[in-house]
C-alpha atoms as a PDB file:
ATOM      1  CA  MET A   1     -76.159  33.580-150.868  1.00  0.00           C
ATOM      2  CA  ASP A   2     -74.809  32.602-154.014  1.00  0.00           C
ATOM      3  CA  TYR A   3     -71.328  32.230-152.291  1.00  0.00           C
ATOM      4  CA  VAL A   4     -72.532  30.023-149.046  1.00  0.00           C
ATOM      5  CA  ASN A   5     -74.559  27.700-151.218  1.00  0.00           C
ATOM      6  CA  SER A   6     -72.120  26.994-154.003  1.00  0.00           C
ATOM      7  CA  HIS A   7     -68.949  26.321-151.422  1.00  0.00           C
ATOM      8  CA  SER A   8     -68.052  23.704-148.585  1.00  0.00           C
ATOM      9  CA  ALA A   9     -67.843  24.684-145.086  1.00  0.00           C
ATOM     10  CA  GLU A  10     -63.930  24.613-145.224  1.00  0.00           C
ATOM     11  CA  GLU A  11     -64.097  26.879-148.133  1.00  0.00           C
ATOM     12  CA  ILE A  12     -66.301  29.171-146.148  1.00  0.00           C
ATOM     13  CA  ALA A  13     -64.677  28.953-143.107  1.00  0.00           C
ATOM     14  CA  LYS A  14     -61.145  30.098-144.607  1.00  0.00           C
ATOM     15  CA  THR A  15     -62.886  32.773-146.236  1.00  0.00           C
ATOM     16  CA  ILE A  16     -64.466  34.240-142.919  1.00  0.00           C
ATOM     17  CA  GLN A  17     -61.537  33.297-140.717  1.00  0.00           C
ATOM     18  CA  PRO A  18     -60.087  36.806-140.898  1.00  0.00           C
ATOM     19  CA  GLN A  19     -63.024  38.210-138.835  1.00  0.00           C
ATOM     20  CA  PHE A  20     -62.656  35.224-136.321  1.00  0.00           C
ATOM     21  CA  GLN A  21     -59.011  34.971-135.859  1.00  0.00           C
ATOM     22  CA  GLU A  22     -59.590  33.768-132.173  1.00  0.00           C
ATOM     23  CA  THR A  23     -61.230  30.349-133.157  1.00  0.00           C
ATOM     24  CA  PRO A  24     -59.192  27.600-135.087  1.00  0.00           C
ATOM     25  CA  LEU A  25     -60.257  26.925-138.610  1.00  0.00           C
ATOM     26  CA  ASP A  26     -61.545  23.316-137.566  1.00  0.00           C
ATOM     27  CA  LYS A  27     -63.840  24.759-135.233  1.00  0.00           C
ATOM     28  CA  LEU A  28     -65.092  27.519-137.556  1.00  0.00           C
ATOM     29  CA  THR A  29     -65.426  24.818-140.209  1.00  0.00           C
ATOM     30  CA  ILE A  30     -67.750  22.759-137.743  1.00  0.00           C
ATOM     31  CA  ILE A  31     -69.696  26.071-136.915  1.00  0.00           C
ATOM     32  CA  VAL A  32     -70.232  26.900-140.774  1.00  0.00           C
ATOM     33  CA  ASP A  33     -71.280  23.330-141.290  1.00  0.00           C
ATOM     34  CA  ARG A  34     -73.755  23.145-139.006  1.00  0.00           C
ATOM     35  CA  TYR A  35     -75.220  26.396-140.114  1.00  0.00           C
ATOM     36  CA  LYS A  36     -75.378  24.931-143.649  1.00  0.00           C
ATOM     37  CA  SER A  37     -77.047  21.626-142.347  1.00  0.00           C
ATOM     38  CA  GLN A  38     -79.365  23.680-140.514  1.00  0.00           C
ATOM     39  CA  ASP A  39     -80.222  25.534-143.775  1.00  0.00           C
ATOM     40  CA  THR A  40     -79.424  28.874-142.328  1.00  0.00           C
ATOM     41  CA  TRP A  41     -78.510  30.462-145.190  1.00  0.00           C
ATOM     42  CA  LYS A  42     -81.494  30.670-147.914  1.00  0.00           C
ATOM     43  CA  ASP A  43     -81.416  31.152-151.655  1.00  0.00           C
ATOM     44  CA  ASP A  44     -82.725  34.828-151.355  1.00  0.00           C
ATOM     45  CA  THR A  45     -83.055  37.746-148.619  1.00  0.00           C
ATOM     46  CA  ILE A  46     -86.678  37.525-147.877  1.00  0.00           C
ATOM     47  CA  PHE A  47     -87.209  37.368-144.187  1.00  0.00           C
ATOM     48  CA  GLU A  48     -89.911  35.020-143.763  1.00  0.00           C
ATOM     49  CA  LYS A  49     -92.781  35.339-141.226  1.00  0.00           C
ATOM     50  CA  ASP A  50     -91.934  31.645-139.691  1.00  0.00           C
ATOM     51  CA  SER A  51     -88.307  32.738-139.484  1.00  0.00           C
ATOM     52  CA  PHE A  52     -89.256  35.574-137.740  1.00  0.00           C
ATOM     53  CA  GLU A  53     -91.153  33.786-135.257  1.00  0.00           C
ATOM     54  CA  LEU A  54     -88.308  31.196-135.073  1.00  0.00           C
ATOM     55  CA  LEU A  55     -85.871  34.184-134.099  1.00  0.00           C
ATOM     56  CA  GLN A  56     -88.675  35.688-131.623  1.00  0.00           C
ATOM     57  CA  ASN A  57     -88.967  32.277-129.897  1.00  0.00           C
ATOM     58  CA  ILE A  58     -85.068  31.984-129.857  1.00  0.00           C
ATOM     59  CA  LEU A  59     -84.814  35.467-128.145  1.00  0.00           C
ATOM     60  CA  GLU A  60     -87.757  34.840-125.696  1.00  0.00           C
ATOM     61  CA  GLU A  61     -86.484  31.518-124.518  1.00  0.00           C
ATOM     62  CA  ALA A  62     -83.268  33.475-123.777  1.00  0.00           C
ATOM     63  CA  GLY A  63     -84.591  35.874-121.754  1.00  0.00           C
ATOM     64  CA  GLU A  64     -83.665  38.861-124.362  1.00  0.00           C
ATOM     65  CA  LEU A  65     -87.211  39.433-125.649  1.00  0.00           C
ATOM     66  CA  PRO A  66     -89.377  41.670-123.295  1.00  0.00           C
ATOM     67  CA  GLN A  67     -92.425  41.342-125.848  1.00  0.00           C
ATOM     68  CA  ARG A  68     -93.050  40.095-128.926  1.00  0.00           C
ATOM     69  CA  VAL A  69     -93.724  42.140-132.182  1.00  0.00           C
ATOM     70  CA  PRO A  70     -96.105  41.564-135.049  1.00  0.00           C
ATOM     71  CA  TYR A  71     -93.837  40.691-138.261  1.00  0.00           C
ATOM     72  CA  GLU A  72     -96.072  43.044-140.403  1.00  0.00           C
ATOM     73  CA  ASP A  73     -94.825  45.755-137.937  1.00  0.00           C
ATOM     74  CA  LEU A  74     -90.986  45.154-138.268  1.00  0.00           C
ATOM     75  CA  VAL A  75     -90.435  43.540-141.393  1.00  0.00           C
ATOM     76  CA  THR A  76     -90.783  44.646-145.160  1.00  0.00           C
ATOM     77  CA  THR A  77     -89.922  42.314-147.878  1.00  0.00           C
ATOM     78  CA  GLN A  78     -90.521  44.763-150.744  1.00  0.00           C
ATOM     79  CA  PHE A  79     -86.903  45.360-151.830  1.00  0.00           C
ATOM     80  CA  ALA A  80     -85.863  41.667-151.446  1.00  0.00           C
ATOM     81  CA  GLU A  81     -88.892  40.712-153.329  1.00  0.00           C
ATOM     82  CA  ALA A  82     -87.820  43.402-156.023  1.00  0.00           C
ATOM     83  CA  ALA A  83     -84.065  42.334-155.894  1.00  0.00           C
ATOM     84  CA  LYS A  84     -85.124  38.488-156.490  1.00  0.00           C
END
């Protein structure tokens, strides 16, 4: 979390490029920049209910979620809270 919040999109792209060898650096930088501008990477690892609902919305719209699951049934934040 600290790394992505303290480095540029290009620096992050260079770091992760070995895992995306088929993607040119300029395109990878654009993708990382988009994630940064969407505030995809948070300051901590707590998976908040709003984020969970958004993920379910996306999966549902893509036809990949057969049924919604209550946040409380699937997510526990106790370890992330303790680490924070």
